[in-house]
Amino acid sequence: MNWNYVFLIVAVMFEVVATTALKSTEGFTRLWPSLVAISGYALAFYFLSLPLRTIPVGVVYALWCGAGILFITGIAWVYYRQALDGPALIGMALIVAGVAVINLFSKSIPH
């Protein structure tokens, strides 16, 4: 098992929780959502730093951002009822394609 990917998944999970809570902070005027957002981002960045020991920063960041964008978009669609139009869906598909290309074909990451 490659622990770098486990750490990256954990980082994405904390980032998704933090970003979901960020909307509820109302500009950091609400205590509990603010604490969730701040602690979630702190943990996300900690776990994001671990794969950077062996995987290039551009690759780690691309994977983290791509996964985070997809999960946050899905949560916003279900939880906040924020619909996506055709161009947004095409953009999401391109993000998925980019992440797939990096994971399947890049020699920059350990397989």
PDB file of N, CA and C in Angstrom:
ATOM      1  N   MET A   1       0.850  -1.177   0.000  1.00  0.00           N
ATOM      2  CA  MET A   1       0.000   0.000   0.000  1.00  0.00           C
ATOM      3  C   MET A   1       0.897   1.243   0.000  1.00  0.00           C
ATOM      4  N   ASN A   2       0.537   2.186  -0.823  1.00  0.00           N
ATOM      5  CA  ASN A   2       1.289   3.436  -0.872  1.00  0.00           C
ATOM      6  C   ASN A   2       0.624   4.446   0.071  1.00  0.00           C
ATOM      7  N   TRP A   3       1.277   4.716   1.181  1.00  0.00           N
ATOM      8  CA  TRP A   3       0.708   5.599   2.202  1.00  0.00           C
ATOM      9  C   TRP A   3       0.516   7.022   1.696  1.00  0.00           C
ATOM     10  N   ASN A   4       1.288   7.418   0.683  1.00  0.00           N
ATOM     11  CA  ASN A   4       1.124   8.769   0.149  1.00  0.00           C
ATOM     12  C   ASN A   4      -0.292   9.007  -0.343  1.00  0.00           C
ATOM     13  N   TYR A   5      -0.880   7.998  -0.975  1.00  0.00           N
ATOM     14  CA  TYR A   5      -2.245   8.149  -1.466  1.00  0.00           C
ATOM     15  C   TYR A   5      -3.265   8.119  -0.339  1.00  0.00           C
ATOM     16  N   VAL A   6      -2.989   7.358   0.707  1.00  0.00           N
ATOM     17  CA  VAL A   6      -3.860   7.375   1.886  1.00  0.00           C
ATOM     18  C   VAL A   6      -3.854   8.769   2.501  1.00  0.00           C
ATOM     19  N   PHE A   7      -2.673   9.337   2.669  1.00  0.00           N
ATOM     20  CA  PHE A   7      -2.561  10.688   3.227  1.00  0.00           C
ATOM     21  C   PHE A   7      -3.273  11.709   2.336  1.00  0.00           C
ATOM     22  N   LEU A   8      -3.146  11.537   1.030  1.00  0.00           N
ATOM     23  CA  LEU A   8      -3.794  12.451   0.101  1.00  0.00           C
ATOM     24  C   LEU A   8      -5.316  12.342   0.186  1.00  0.00           C
ATOM     25  N   ILE A   9      -5.833  11.139   0.304  1.00  0.00           N
ATOM     26  CA  ILE A   9      -7.285  10.945   0.463  1.00  0.00           C
ATOM     27  C   ILE A   9      -7.767  11.574   1.759  1.00  0.00           C
ATOM     28  N   VAL A  10      -7.025  11.380   2.836  1.00  0.00           N
ATOM     29  CA  VAL A  10      -7.388  11.989   4.120  1.00  0.00           C
ATOM     30  C   VAL A  10      -7.370  13.510   4.004  1.00  0.00           C
ATOM     31  N   ALA A  11      -6.360  14.052   3.318  1.00  0.00           N
ATOM     32  CA  ALA A  11      -6.286  15.507   3.111  1.00  0.00           C
ATOM     33  C   ALA A  11      -7.503  16.006   2.349  1.00  0.00           C
ATOM     34  N   VAL A  12      -7.909  15.279   1.325  1.00  0.00           N
ATOM     35  CA  VAL A  12      -9.094  15.668   0.550  1.00  0.00           C
ATOM     36  C   VAL A  12     -10.335  15.628   1.431  1.00  0.00           C
ATOM     37  N   MET A  13     -10.453  14.603   2.254  1.00  0.00           N
ATOM     38  CA  MET A  13     -11.630  14.498   3.130  1.00  0.00           C
ATOM     39  C   MET A  13     -11.714  15.691   4.088  1.00  0.00           C
ATOM     40  N   PHE A  14     -10.595  16.045   4.706  1.00  0.00           N
ATOM     41  CA  PHE A  14     -10.605  17.197   5.614  1.00  0.00           C
ATOM     42  C   PHE A  14     -10.894  18.492   4.861  1.00  0.00           C
ATOM     43  N   GLU A  15     -10.363  18.623   3.657  1.00  0.00           N
ATOM     44  CA  GLU A  15     -10.606  19.830   2.860  1.00  0.00           C
ATOM     45  C   GLU A  15     -12.077  19.933   2.477  1.00  0.00           C
ATOM     46  N   VAL A  16     -12.702  18.822   2.142  1.00  0.00           N
ATOM     47  CA  VAL A  16     -14.123  18.815   1.775  1.00  0.00           C
ATOM     48  C   VAL A  16     -14.976  19.185   2.982  1.00  0.00           C
ATOM     49  N   VAL A  17     -14.664  18.641   4.132  1.00  0.00           N
ATOM     50  CA  VAL A  17     -15.401  18.997   5.358  1.00  0.00           C
ATOM     51  C   VAL A  17     -15.232  20.479   5.658  1.00  0.00           C
ATOM     52  N   ALA A  18     -14.002  20.971   5.569  1.00  0.00           N
ATOM     53  CA  ALA A  18     -13.732  22.379   5.876  1.00  0.00           C
ATOM     54  C   ALA A  18     -14.440  23.308   4.900  1.00  0.00           C
ATOM     55  N   THR A  19     -14.392  22.988   3.622  1.00  0.00           N
ATOM     56  CA  THR A  19     -15.018  23.853   2.629  1.00  0.00           C
ATOM     57  C   THR A  19     -16.532  23.817   2.757  1.00  0.00           C
ATOM     58  N   THR A  20     -17.090  22.670   3.069  1.00  0.00           N
ATOM     59  CA  THR A  20     -18.532  22.577   3.303  1.00  0.00           C
ATOM     60  C   THR A  20     -18.926  23.431   4.504  1.00  0.00           C
ATOM     61  N   ALA A  21     -18.137  23.391   5.554  1.00  0.00           N
ATOM     62  CA  ALA A  21     -18.420  24.202   6.743  1.00  0.00           C
ATOM     63  C   ALA A  21     -18.203  25.685   6.476  1.00  0.00           C
ATOM     64  N   LEU A  22     -17.317  26.009   5.548  1.00  0.00           N
ATOM     65  CA  LEU A  22     -16.987  27.409   5.274  1.00  0.00           C
ATOM     66  C   LEU A  22     -18.217  28.221   4.877  1.00  0.00           C
ATOM     67  N   LYS A  23     -19.112  27.622   4.108  1.00  0.00           N
ATOM     68  CA  LYS A  23     -20.333  28.332   3.710  1.00  0.00           C
ATOM     69  C   LYS A  23     -21.183  28.687   4.936  1.00  0.00           C
ATOM     70  N   SER A  24     -21.180  27.811   5.926  1.00  0.00           N
ATOM     71  CA  SER A  24     -21.991  28.035   7.126  1.00  0.00           C
ATOM     72  C   SER A  24     -21.369  29.006   8.121  1.00  0.00           C
ATOM     73  N   THR A  25     -20.109  29.401   7.907  1.00  0.00           N
ATOM     74  CA  THR A  25     -19.467  30.310   8.860  1.00  0.00           C
ATOM     75  C   THR A  25     -20.042  31.717   8.788  1.00  0.00           C
ATOM     76  N   GLU A  26     -20.668  32.034   7.637  1.00  0.00           N
ATOM     77  CA  GLU A  26     -21.207  33.377   7.407  1.00  0.00           C
ATOM     78  C   GLU A  26     -20.143  34.437   7.695  1.00  0.00           C
ATOM     79  N   GLY A  27     -19.024  34.286   6.983  1.00  0.00           N
ATOM     80  CA  GLY A  27     -17.922  35.245   7.139  1.00  0.00           C
ATOM     81  C   GLY A  27     -17.209  35.112   8.472  1.00  0.00           C
ATOM     82  N   PHE A  28     -17.134  33.887   8.977  1.00  0.00           N
ATOM     83  CA  PHE A  28     -16.502  33.596  10.267  1.00  0.00           C
ATOM     84  C   PHE A  28     -17.184  34.333  11.424  1.00  0.00           C
ATOM     85  N   THR A  29     -18.493  34.517  11.325  1.00  0.00           N
ATOM     86  CA  THR A  29     -19.262  35.123  12.412  1.00  0.00           C
ATOM     87  C   THR A  29     -19.957  34.071  13.271  1.00  0.00           C
ATOM     88  N   ARG A  30     -19.954  32.823  12.832  1.00  0.00           N
ATOM     89  CA  ARG A  30     -20.554  31.728  13.600  1.00  0.00           C
ATOM     90  C   ARG A  30     -19.436  30.830  14.114  1.00  0.00           C
ATOM     91  N   LEU A  31     -19.393  30.615  15.421  1.00  0.00           N
ATOM     92  CA  LEU A  31     -18.266  29.951  16.082  1.00  0.00           C
ATOM     93  C   LEU A  31     -18.046  28.521  15.604  1.00  0.00           C
ATOM     94  N   TRP A  32     -19.038  27.646  15.734  1.00  0.00           N
ATOM     95  CA  TRP A  32     -18.810  26.221  15.484  1.00  0.00           C
ATOM     96  C   TRP A  32     -18.477  25.915  14.030  1.00  0.00           C
ATOM     97  N   PRO A  33     -19.205  26.457  13.070  1.00  0.00           N
ATOM     98  CA  PRO A  33     -18.775  26.211  11.684  1.00  0.00           C
ATOM     99  C   PRO A  33     -17.383  26.782  11.407  1.00  0.00           C
ATOM    100  N   SER A  34     -17.052  27.908  12.035  1.00  0.00           N
ATOM    101  CA  SER A  34     -15.720  28.501  11.857  1.00  0.00           C
ATOM    102  C   SER A  34     -14.637  27.590  12.408  1.00  0.00           C
ATOM    103  N   LEU A  35     -14.879  27.005  13.576  1.00  0.00           N
ATOM    104  CA  LEU A  35     -13.900  26.087  14.166  1.00  0.00           C
ATOM    105  C   LEU A  35     -13.731  24.829  13.313  1.00  0.00           C
ATOM    106  N   VAL A  36     -14.843  24.333  12.762  1.00  0.00           N
ATOM    107  CA  VAL A  36     -14.760  23.167  11.877  1.00  0.00           C
ATOM    108  C   VAL A  36     -13.945  23.515  10.634  1.00  0.00           C
ATOM    109  N   ALA A  37     -14.209  24.682  10.039  1.00  0.00           N
ATOM    110  CA  ALA A  37     -13.494  25.090   8.828  1.00  0.00           C
ATOM    111  C   ALA A  37     -12.001  25.263   9.106  1.00  0.00           C
ATOM    112  N   ILE A  38     -11.661  25.968  10.154  1.00  0.00           N
ATOM    113  CA  ILE A  38     -10.255  26.229  10.471  1.00  0.00           C
ATOM    114  C   ILE A  38      -9.507  24.940  10.800  1.00  0.00           C
ATOM    115  N   SER A  39     -10.092  24.110  11.659  1.00  0.00           N
ATOM    116  CA  SER A  39      -9.411  22.864  12.024  1.00  0.00           C
ATOM    117  C   SER A  39      -9.364  21.904  10.825  1.00  0.00           C
ATOM    118  N   GLY A  40     -10.412  21.893  10.018  1.00  0.00           N
ATOM    119  CA  GLY A  40     -10.414  21.039   8.825  1.00  0.00           C
ATOM    120  C   GLY A  40      -9.321  21.422   7.853  1.00  0.00           C
ATOM    121  N   TYR A  41      -9.162  22.728   7.609  1.00  0.00           N
ATOM    122  CA  TYR A  41      -8.089  23.175   6.711  1.00  0.00           C
ATOM    123  C   TYR A  41      -6.713  22.894   7.301  1.00  0.00           C
ATOM    124  N   ALA A  42      -6.557  23.079   8.597  1.00  0.00           N
ATOM    125  CA  ALA A  42      -5.262  22.794   9.229  1.00  0.00           C
ATOM    126  C   ALA A  42      -4.895  21.319   9.060  1.00  0.00           C
ATOM    127  N   LEU A  43      -5.844  20.432   9.319  1.00  0.00           N
ATOM    128  CA  LEU A  43      -5.577  19.006   9.152  1.00  0.00           C
ATOM    129  C   LEU A  43      -5.377  18.643   7.681  1.00  0.00           C
ATOM    130  N   ALA A  44      -6.139  19.278   6.797  1.00  0.00           N
ATOM    131  CA  ALA A  44      -5.980  19.016   5.360  1.00  0.00           C
ATOM    132  C   ALA A  44      -4.575  19.381   4.905  1.00  0.00           C
ATOM    133  N   PHE A  45      -4.088  20.534   5.322  1.00  0.00           N
ATOM    134  CA  PHE A  45      -2.742  20.942   4.912  1.00  0.00           C
ATOM    135  C   PHE A  45      -1.663  20.066   5.537  1.00  0.00           C
ATOM    136  N   TYR A  46      -1.887  19.623   6.762  1.00  0.00           N
ATOM    137  CA  TYR A  46      -0.914  18.715   7.362  1.00  0.00           C
ATOM    138  C   TYR A  46      -0.818  17.429   6.535  1.00  0.00           C
ATOM    139  N   PHE A  47      -1.968  16.794   6.278  1.00  0.00           N
ATOM    140  CA  PHE A  47      -1.954  15.542   5.523  1.00  0.00           C
ATOM    141  C   PHE A  47      -1.525  15.752   4.078  1.00  0.00           C
ATOM    142  N   LEU A  48      -1.787  16.929   3.531  1.00  0.00           N
ATOM    143  CA  LEU A  48      -1.328  17.247   2.184  1.00  0.00           C
ATOM    144  C   LEU A  48       0.198  17.352   2.138  1.00  0.00           C
ATOM    145  N   SER A  49       0.799  17.778   3.230  1.00  0.00           N
ATOM    146  CA  SER A  49       2.255  17.936   3.250  1.00  0.00           C
ATOM    147  C   SER A  49       2.986  16.601   3.231  1.00  0.00           C
ATOM    148  N   LEU A  50       2.348  15.539   3.677  1.00  0.00           N
ATOM    149  CA  LEU A  50       3.037  14.247   3.786  1.00  0.00           C
ATOM    150  C   LEU A  50       3.391  13.639   2.429  1.00  0.00           C
ATOM    151  N   PRO A  51       2.485  13.598   1.446  1.00  0.00           N
ATOM    152  CA  PRO A  51       2.880  13.048   0.139  1.00  0.00           C
ATOM    153  C   PRO A  51       3.925  13.909  -0.582  1.00  0.00           C
ATOM    154  N   LEU A  52       4.035  15.170  -0.188  1.00  0.00           N
ATOM    155  CA  LEU A  52       4.996  16.055  -0.841  1.00  0.00           C
ATOM    156  C   LEU A  52       6.444  15.647  -0.576  1.00  0.00           C
ATOM    157  N   ARG A  53       6.650  14.744   0.371  1.00  0.00           N
ATOM    158  CA  ARG A  53       8.006  14.251   0.632  1.00  0.00           C
ATOM    159  C   ARG A  53       8.538  13.442  -0.537  1.00  0.00           C
ATOM    160  N   THR A  54       7.641  12.808  -1.315  1.00  0.00           N
ATOM    161  CA  THR A  54       8.109  11.936  -2.397  1.00  0.00           C
ATOM    162  C   THR A  54       7.439  12.204  -3.753  1.00  0.00           C
ATOM    163  N   ILE A  55       6.312  12.900  -3.768  1.00  0.00           N
ATOM    164  CA  ILE A  55       5.604  13.166  -5.024  1.00  0.00           C
ATOM    165  C   ILE A  55       5.736  14.653  -5.329  1.00  0.00           C
ATOM    166  N   PRO A  56       5.977  15.021  -6.581  1.00  0.00           N
ATOM    167  CA  PRO A  56       6.116  16.440  -6.934  1.00  0.00           C
ATOM    168  C   PRO A  56       4.892  17.264  -6.535  1.00  0.00           C
ATOM    169  N   VAL A  57       5.143  18.491  -6.103  1.00  0.00           N
ATOM    170  CA  VAL A  57       4.091  19.358  -5.582  1.00  0.00           C
ATOM    171  C   VAL A  57       2.989  19.596  -6.623  1.00  0.00           C
ATOM    172  N   GLY A  58       3.349  19.757  -7.884  1.00  0.00           N
ATOM    173  CA  GLY A  58       2.340  19.999  -8.916  1.00  0.00           C
ATOM    174  C   GLY A  58       1.379  18.838  -9.071  1.00  0.00           C
ATOM    175  N   VAL A  59       1.902  17.623  -8.975  1.00  0.00           N
ATOM    176  CA  VAL A  59       1.065  16.430  -9.104  1.00  0.00           C
ATOM    177  C   VAL A  59       0.158  16.288  -7.889  1.00  0.00           C
ATOM    178  N   VAL A  60       0.723  16.435  -6.694  1.00  0.00           N
ATOM    179  CA  VAL A  60      -0.081  16.331  -5.467  1.00  0.00           C
ATOM    180  C   VAL A  60      -1.185  17.379  -5.476  1.00  0.00           C
ATOM    181  N   TYR A  61      -0.836  18.597  -5.834  1.00  0.00           N
ATOM    182  CA  TYR A  61      -1.828  19.677  -5.820  1.00  0.00           C
ATOM    183  C   TYR A  61      -2.912  19.444  -6.860  1.00  0.00           C
ATOM    184  N   ALA A  62      -2.539  18.945  -8.033  1.00  0.00           N
ATOM    185  CA  ALA A  62      -3.534  18.666  -9.070  1.00  0.00           C
ATOM    186  C   ALA A  62      -4.514  17.591  -8.609  1.00  0.00           C
ATOM    187  N   LEU A  63      -3.998  16.539  -8.006  1.00  0.00           N
ATOM    188  CA  LEU A  63      -4.865  15.473  -7.517  1.00  0.00           C
ATOM    189  C   LEU A  63      -5.760  15.964  -6.384  1.00  0.00           C
ATOM    190  N   TRP A  64      -5.185  16.735  -5.460  1.00  0.00           N
ATOM    191  CA  TRP A  64      -5.941  17.255  -4.322  1.00  0.00           C
ATOM    192  C   TRP A  64      -7.043  18.195  -4.792  1.00  0.00           C
ATOM    193  N   CYS A  65      -6.691  19.105  -5.667  1.00  0.00           N
ATOM    194  CA  CYS A  65      -7.685  20.067  -6.165  1.00  0.00           C
ATOM    195  C   CYS A  65      -8.771  19.380  -6.978  1.00  0.00           C
ATOM    196  N   GLY A  66      -8.353  18.482  -7.864  1.00  0.00           N
ATOM    197  CA  GLY A  66      -9.344  17.804  -8.703  1.00  0.00           C
ATOM    198  C   GLY A  66     -10.346  17.024  -7.881  1.00  0.00           C
ATOM    199  N   ALA A  67      -9.856  16.235  -6.941  1.00  0.00           N
ATOM    200  CA  ALA A  67     -10.756  15.453  -6.085  1.00  0.00           C
ATOM    201  C   ALA A  67     -11.619  16.364  -5.231  1.00  0.00           C
ATOM    202  N   GLY A  68     -11.010  17.400  -4.663  1.00  0.00           N
ATOM    203  CA  GLY A  68     -11.773  18.336  -3.829  1.00  0.00           C
ATOM    204  C   GLY A  68     -12.876  19.039  -4.604  1.00  0.00           C
ATOM    205  N   ILE A  69     -12.558  19.471  -5.820  1.00  0.00           N
ATOM    206  CA  ILE A  69     -13.559  20.150  -6.651  1.00  0.00           C
ATOM    207  C   ILE A  69     -14.738  19.225  -6.924  1.00  0.00           C
ATOM    208  N   LEU A  70     -14.457  17.988  -7.268  1.00  0.00           N
ATOM    209  CA  LEU A  70     -15.547  17.058  -7.577  1.00  0.00           C
ATOM    210  C   LEU A  70     -16.423  16.779  -6.356  1.00  0.00           C
ATOM    211  N   PHE A  71     -15.797  16.518  -5.215  1.00  0.00           N
ATOM    212  CA  PHE A  71     -16.580  16.226  -4.012  1.00  0.00           C
ATOM    213  C   PHE A  71     -17.378  17.442  -3.542  1.00  0.00           C
ATOM    214  N   ILE A  72     -16.746  18.606  -3.536  1.00  0.00           N
ATOM    215  CA  ILE A  72     -17.441  19.815  -3.108  1.00  0.00           C
ATOM    216  C   ILE A  72     -18.606  20.128  -4.038  1.00  0.00           C
ATOM    217  N   THR A  73     -18.397  19.957  -5.334  1.00  0.00           N
ATOM    218  CA  THR A  73     -19.469  20.202  -6.292  1.00  0.00           C
ATOM    219  C   THR A  73     -20.636  19.254  -6.052  1.00  0.00           C
ATOM    220  N   GLY A  74     -20.331  17.994  -5.793  1.00  0.00           N
ATOM    221  CA  GLY A  74     -21.389  17.029  -5.496  1.00  0.00           C
ATOM    222  C   GLY A  74     -22.148  17.378  -4.233  1.00  0.00           C
ATOM    223  N   ILE A  75     -21.442  17.783  -3.197  1.00  0.00           N
ATOM    224  CA  ILE A  75     -22.097  18.182  -1.945  1.00  0.00           C
ATOM    225  C   ILE A  75     -22.937  19.435  -2.157  1.00  0.00           C
ATOM    226  N   ALA A  76     -22.404  20.403  -2.888  1.00  0.00           N
ATOM    227  CA  ALA A  76     -23.162  21.633  -3.153  1.00  0.00           C
ATOM    228  C   ALA A  76     -24.416  21.338  -3.956  1.00  0.00           C
ATOM    229  N   TRP A  77     -24.345  20.387  -4.864  1.00  0.00           N
ATOM    230  CA  TRP A  77     -25.496  20.023  -5.679  1.00  0.00           C
ATOM    231  C   TRP A  77     -26.575  19.368  -4.814  1.00  0.00           C
ATOM    232  N   VAL A  78     -26.167  18.450  -3.929  1.00  0.00           N
ATOM    233  CA  VAL A  78     -27.130  17.725  -3.101  1.00  0.00           C
ATOM    234  C   VAL A  78     -27.595  18.561  -1.909  1.00  0.00           C
ATOM    235  N   TYR A  79     -26.652  19.116  -1.181  1.00  0.00           N
ATOM    236  CA  TYR A  79     -26.966  19.774   0.094  1.00  0.00           C
ATOM    237  C   TYR A  79     -27.481  21.198  -0.083  1.00  0.00           C
ATOM    238  N   TYR A  80     -26.867  21.957  -0.979  1.00  0.00           N
ATOM    239  CA  TYR A  80     -27.256  23.355  -1.171  1.00  0.00           C
ATOM    240  C   TYR A  80     -28.129  23.566  -2.402  1.00  0.00           C
ATOM    241  N   ARG A  81     -28.439  22.494  -3.133  1.00  0.00           N
ATOM    242  CA  ARG A  81     -29.277  22.560  -4.338  1.00  0.00           C
ATOM    243  C   ARG A  81     -28.696  23.502  -5.403  1.00  0.00           C
ATOM    244  N   GLN A  82     -27.383  23.512  -5.548  1.00  0.00           N
ATOM    245  CA  GLN A  82     -26.710  24.336  -6.546  1.00  0.00           C
ATOM    246  C   GLN A  82     -26.520  23.509  -7.813  1.00  0.00           C
ATOM    247  N   ALA A  83     -27.325  23.816  -8.821  1.00  0.00           N
ATOM    248  CA  ALA A  83     -27.307  23.055 -10.070  1.00  0.00           C
ATOM    249  C   ALA A  83     -26.142  23.489 -10.954  1.00  0.00           C
ATOM    250  N   LEU A  84     -25.718  22.596 -11.833  1.00  0.00           N
ATOM    251  CA  LEU A  84     -24.639  22.874 -12.775  1.00  0.00           C
ATOM    252  C   LEU A  84     -25.192  22.883 -14.189  1.00  0.00           C
ATOM    253  N   ASP A  85     -24.666  23.781 -15.020  1.00  0.00           N
ATOM    254  CA  ASP A  85     -25.063  23.809 -16.422  1.00  0.00           C
ATOM    255  C   ASP A  85     -24.096  22.962 -17.248  1.00  0.00           C
ATOM    256  N   GLY A  86     -24.338  22.882 -18.543  1.00  0.00           N
ATOM    257  CA  GLY A  86     -23.530  22.073 -19.443  1.00  0.00           C
ATOM    258  C   GLY A  86     -22.049  22.396 -19.404  1.00  0.00           C
ATOM    259  N   PRO A  87     -21.677  23.684 -19.556  1.00  0.00           N
ATOM    260  CA  PRO A  87     -20.244  24.002 -19.507  1.00  0.00           C
ATOM    261  C   PRO A  87     -19.583  23.604 -18.181  1.00  0.00           C
ATOM    262  N   ALA A  88     -20.293  23.731 -17.066  1.00  0.00           N
ATOM    263  CA  ALA A  88     -19.728  23.325 -15.773  1.00  0.00           C
ATOM    264  C   ALA A  88     -19.505  21.819 -15.741  1.00  0.00           C
ATOM    265  N   LEU A  89     -20.456  21.057 -16.273  1.00  0.00           N
ATOM    266  CA  LEU A  89     -20.309  19.600 -16.304  1.00  0.00           C
ATOM    267  C   LEU A  89     -19.160  19.178 -17.226  1.00  0.00           C
ATOM    268  N   ILE A  90     -19.011  19.870 -18.349  1.00  0.00           N
ATOM    269  CA  ILE A  90     -17.897  19.585 -19.255  1.00  0.00           C
ATOM    270  C   ILE A  90     -16.568  19.878 -18.549  1.00  0.00           C
ATOM    271  N   GLY A  91     -16.510  20.992 -17.839  1.00  0.00           N
ATOM    272  CA  GLY A  91     -15.302  21.325 -17.089  1.00  0.00           C
ATOM    273  C   GLY A  91     -14.973  20.279 -16.043  1.00  0.00           C
ATOM    274  N   MET A  92     -15.991  19.778 -15.345  1.00  0.00           N
ATOM    275  CA  MET A  92     -15.767  18.718 -14.357  1.00  0.00           C
ATOM    276  C   MET A  92     -15.249  17.455 -15.032  1.00  0.00           C
ATOM    277  N   ALA A  93     -15.791  17.126 -16.193  1.00  0.00           N
ATOM    278  CA  ALA A  93     -15.325  15.944 -16.923  1.00  0.00           C
ATOM    279  C   ALA A  93     -13.862  16.107 -17.327  1.00  0.00           C
ATOM    280  N   LEU A  94     -13.473  17.321 -17.708  1.00  0.00           N
ATOM    281  CA  LEU A  94     -12.075  17.565 -18.059  1.00  0.00           C
ATOM    282  C   LEU A  94     -11.163  17.421 -16.841  1.00  0.00           C
ATOM    283  N   ILE A  95     -11.652  17.836 -15.677  1.00  0.00           N
ATOM    284  CA  ILE A  95     -10.876  17.666 -14.443  1.00  0.00           C
ATOM    285  C   ILE A  95     -10.672  16.180 -14.161  1.00  0.00           C
ATOM    286  N   VAL A  96     -11.746  15.390 -14.272  1.00  0.00           N
ATOM    287  CA  VAL A  96     -11.643  13.943 -14.057  1.00  0.00           C
ATOM    288  C   VAL A  96     -10.662  13.338 -15.055  1.00  0.00           C
ATOM    289  N   ALA A  97     -10.748  13.763 -16.309  1.00  0.00           N
ATOM    290  CA  ALA A  97      -9.832  13.251 -17.333  1.00  0.00           C
ATOM    291  C   ALA A  97      -8.384  13.609 -16.993  1.00  0.00           C
ATOM    292  N   GLY A  98      -8.153  14.823 -16.535  1.00  0.00           N
ATOM    293  CA  GLY A  98      -6.805  15.240 -16.163  1.00  0.00           C
ATOM    294  C   GLY A  98      -6.245  14.434 -15.014  1.00  0.00           C
ATOM    295  N   VAL A  99      -7.058  14.199 -14.003  1.00  0.00           N
ATOM    296  CA  VAL A  99      -6.616  13.391 -12.861  1.00  0.00           C
ATOM    297  C   VAL A  99      -6.332  11.962 -13.315  1.00  0.00           C
ATOM    298  N   ALA A 100      -7.171  11.424 -14.191  1.00  0.00           N
ATOM    299  CA  ALA A 100      -6.951  10.066 -14.699  1.00  0.00           C
ATOM    300  C   ALA A 100      -5.647   9.982 -15.489  1.00  0.00           C
ATOM    301  N   VAL A 101      -5.393  10.965 -16.337  1.00  0.00           N
ATOM    302  CA  VAL A 101      -4.151  10.963 -17.128  1.00  0.00           C
ATOM    303  C   VAL A 101      -2.937  11.002 -16.208  1.00  0.00           C
ATOM    304  N   ILE A 102      -2.980  11.847 -15.196  1.00  0.00           N
ATOM    305  CA  ILE A 102      -1.856  11.927 -14.256  1.00  0.00           C
ATOM    306  C   ILE A 102      -1.634  10.579 -13.579  1.00  0.00           C
ATOM    307  N   ASN A 103      -2.712   9.968 -13.082  1.00  0.00           N
ATOM    308  CA  ASN A 103      -2.573   8.712 -12.349  1.00  0.00           C
ATOM    309  C   ASN A 103      -2.179   7.539 -13.232  1.00  0.00           C
ATOM    310  N   LEU A 104      -2.670   7.512 -14.447  1.00  0.00           N
ATOM    311  CA  LEU A 104      -2.416   6.363 -15.309  1.00  0.00           C
ATOM    312  C   LEU A 104      -1.116   6.450 -16.095  1.00  0.00           C
ATOM    313  N   PHE A 105      -0.716   7.662 -16.487  1.00  0.00           N
ATOM    314  CA  PHE A 105       0.376   7.769 -17.433  1.00  0.00           C
ATOM    315  C   PHE A 105       1.599   8.559 -16.953  1.00  0.00           C
ATOM    316  N   SER A 106       1.475   9.328 -15.899  1.00  0.00           N
ATOM    317  CA  SER A 106       2.594  10.152 -15.483  1.00  0.00           C
ATOM    318  C   SER A 106       3.694   9.321 -14.851  1.00  0.00           C
ATOM    319  N   LYS A 107       4.913   9.600 -15.260  1.00  0.00           N
ATOM    320  CA  LYS A 107       6.072   8.967 -14.647  1.00  0.00           C
ATOM    321  C   LYS A 107       6.586   9.804 -13.464  1.00  0.00           C
ATOM    322  N   SER A 108       5.895  10.903 -13.162  1.00  0.00           N
ATOM    323  CA  SER A 108       6.284  11.782 -12.071  1.00  0.00           C
ATOM    324  C   SER A 108       5.845  11.261 -10.713  1.00  0.00           C
ATOM    325  N   ILE A 109       4.938  10.303 -10.714  1.00  0.00           N
ATOM    326  CA  ILE A 109       4.434   9.782  -9.444  1.00  0.00           C
ATOM    327  C   ILE A 109       4.783   8.304  -9.306  1.00  0.00           C
ATOM    328  N   PRO A 110       5.004   7.857  -8.078  1.00  0.00           N
ATOM    329  CA  PRO A 110       5.299   6.434  -7.891  1.00  0.00           C
ATOM    330  C   PRO A 110       4.036   5.610  -8.089  1.00  0.00           C
ATOM    331  N   HIS A 111       4.138   4.524  -8.804  1.00  0.00           N
ATOM    332  CA  HIS A 111       2.986   3.636  -9.035  1.00  0.00           C
ATOM    333  C   HIS A 111       3.164   2.347  -8.290  1.00  0.00           C
TER     334      HIS A 111
END
